[in-house]
């Protein structure tokens, strides 16, 4: 999951509420019941915010990857993808 800000209600008028719409609940369900991990990357307003770490932890990946700018984001995303390939989570990309 890539996020640039706090989650909101389905109509977008409340930040970090209502509690029953917290995406951490969905991430926890996916991880607990289906062994699907949620990797979280932040940028912009979401940089180093607690909600992103909460979401990552619920999804079984301990902490969000916090990126401070476009260059850092590209490097971190590439690193995450290569890590997922190396661990067999996703297929390795064909290279020419």
Protein backbone atom coordinates (compact mmCIF):
# COMPACT_ATOMS: atom_id res chain seq x y z
CA UNK A 1 0.00 0.00 0.00
CA UNK A 2 1.30 3.44 -0.89
CA UNK A 3 -0.17 6.34 1.05
CA UNK A 4 0.33 10.08 1.09
CA UNK A 5 -1.98 10.89 4.01
CA UNK A 6 -4.14 9.69 6.86
CA UNK A 7 -7.06 7.41 6.08
CA UNK A 8 -10.50 8.94 6.14
CA UNK A 9 -14.12 7.90 6.35
CA UNK A 10 -15.64 6.52 3.16
CA UNK A 11 -17.01 9.96 2.31
CA UNK A 12 -13.69 11.63 3.14
CA UNK A 13 -14.91 13.99 5.82
CA UNK A 14 -13.20 12.53 8.92
CA UNK A 15 -9.51 11.72 9.33
CA UNK A 16 -8.59 8.55 11.24
CA UNK A 17 -12.26 7.79 11.93
CA UNK A 18 -14.68 6.13 12.26
CA UNK A 19 -12.84 3.25 13.89
CA UNK A 20 -14.79 0.59 11.99
CA UNK A 21 -13.32 1.91 8.71
CA UNK A 22 -9.67 1.68 9.83
CA UNK A 23 -7.72 -0.14 7.08
CA UNK A 24 -5.63 -1.84 9.79
CA UNK A 25 -8.65 -4.05 10.49
CA UNK A 26 -8.66 -5.26 6.89
CA UNK A 27 -4.87 -5.74 6.90
CA UNK A 28 -5.08 -7.79 10.12
CA UNK A 29 -7.86 -9.95 8.64
CA UNK A 30 -5.88 -10.56 5.43
CA UNK A 31 -2.76 -11.47 7.38
CA UNK A 32 -4.41 -13.59 10.08
CA UNK A 33 -6.90 -15.47 7.92
CA UNK A 34 -5.18 -15.61 4.53
CA UNK A 35 -1.45 -15.04 5.24
CA UNK A 36 -1.45 -11.94 2.99
CA UNK A 37 1.04 -9.32 4.20
CA UNK A 38 0.49 -5.59 3.80
CA UNK A 39 3.61 -3.62 2.90
CA UNK A 40 3.15 0.10 3.53
CA UNK A 41 5.11 2.95 1.98
CA UNK A 42 4.57 6.58 2.89
CA UNK A 43 5.29 9.85 1.18
CA UNK A 44 4.18 13.45 1.51
CA UNK A 45 1.89 14.13 4.47
CA UNK A 46 2.04 10.48 5.58
CA UNK A 47 5.82 10.61 6.17
CA UNK A 48 6.66 9.07 9.58
CA UNK A 49 3.04 9.03 10.79
CA UNK A 50 1.99 6.45 13.39
CA UNK A 51 -1.07 5.26 11.44
CA UNK A 52 1.20 3.88 8.70
CA UNK A 53 3.22 1.80 11.16
CA UNK A 54 -0.03 0.57 12.74
CA UNK A 55 -1.24 -0.58 9.32
CA UNK A 56 2.05 -2.32 8.51
CA UNK A 57 2.14 -4.04 11.89
CA UNK A 58 -1.44 -5.27 11.51
CA UNK A 59 -0.47 -6.59 8.08
CA UNK A 60 2.50 -8.54 9.38
CA UNK A 61 5.33 -6.34 8.10
CA UNK A 62 6.33 -4.65 11.39
CA UNK A 63 6.76 -1.05 10.16
CA UNK A 64 6.06 1.19 7.20
CA UNK A 65 8.79 2.27 4.83
CA UNK A 66 8.88 6.05 5.17
CA UNK A 67 10.14 7.93 2.13
CA UNK A 68 10.98 11.60 2.24
CA UNK A 69 10.90 12.50 -1.44
CA UNK A 70 10.51 11.26 -5.01
CA UNK A 71 14.11 10.05 -5.41
CA UNK A 72 14.06 8.20 -2.10
CA UNK A 73 10.62 6.78 -2.90
CA UNK A 74 11.80 5.27 -6.20
CA UNK A 75 14.81 3.64 -4.53
CA UNK A 76 12.75 2.28 -1.63
CA UNK A 77 10.05 0.92 -3.96
CA UNK A 78 12.67 -0.78 -6.13
CA UNK A 79 14.28 -2.29 -3.03
CA UNK A 80 10.90 -3.56 -1.79
CA UNK A 81 10.08 -5.15 -5.15
CA UNK A 82 13.48 -6.86 -5.38
CA UNK A 83 13.06 -8.13 -1.81
CA UNK A 84 9.65 -9.58 -2.66
CA UNK A 85 11.12 -11.22 -5.75
CA UNK A 86 14.06 -12.68 -3.80
CA UNK A 87 11.72 -14.13 -1.18
CA UNK A 88 9.47 -15.68 -3.84
CA UNK A 89 6.42 -13.58 -3.00
CA UNK A 90 6.25 -12.24 -6.55
CA UNK A 91 7.77 -13.59 -9.75
CA UNK A 92 11.12 -12.19 -10.82
CA UNK A 93 10.85 -9.63 -13.59
CA UNK A 94 12.28 -10.79 -16.91
CA UNK A 95 15.34 -8.81 -17.89
CA UNK A 96 16.59 -8.44 -21.42
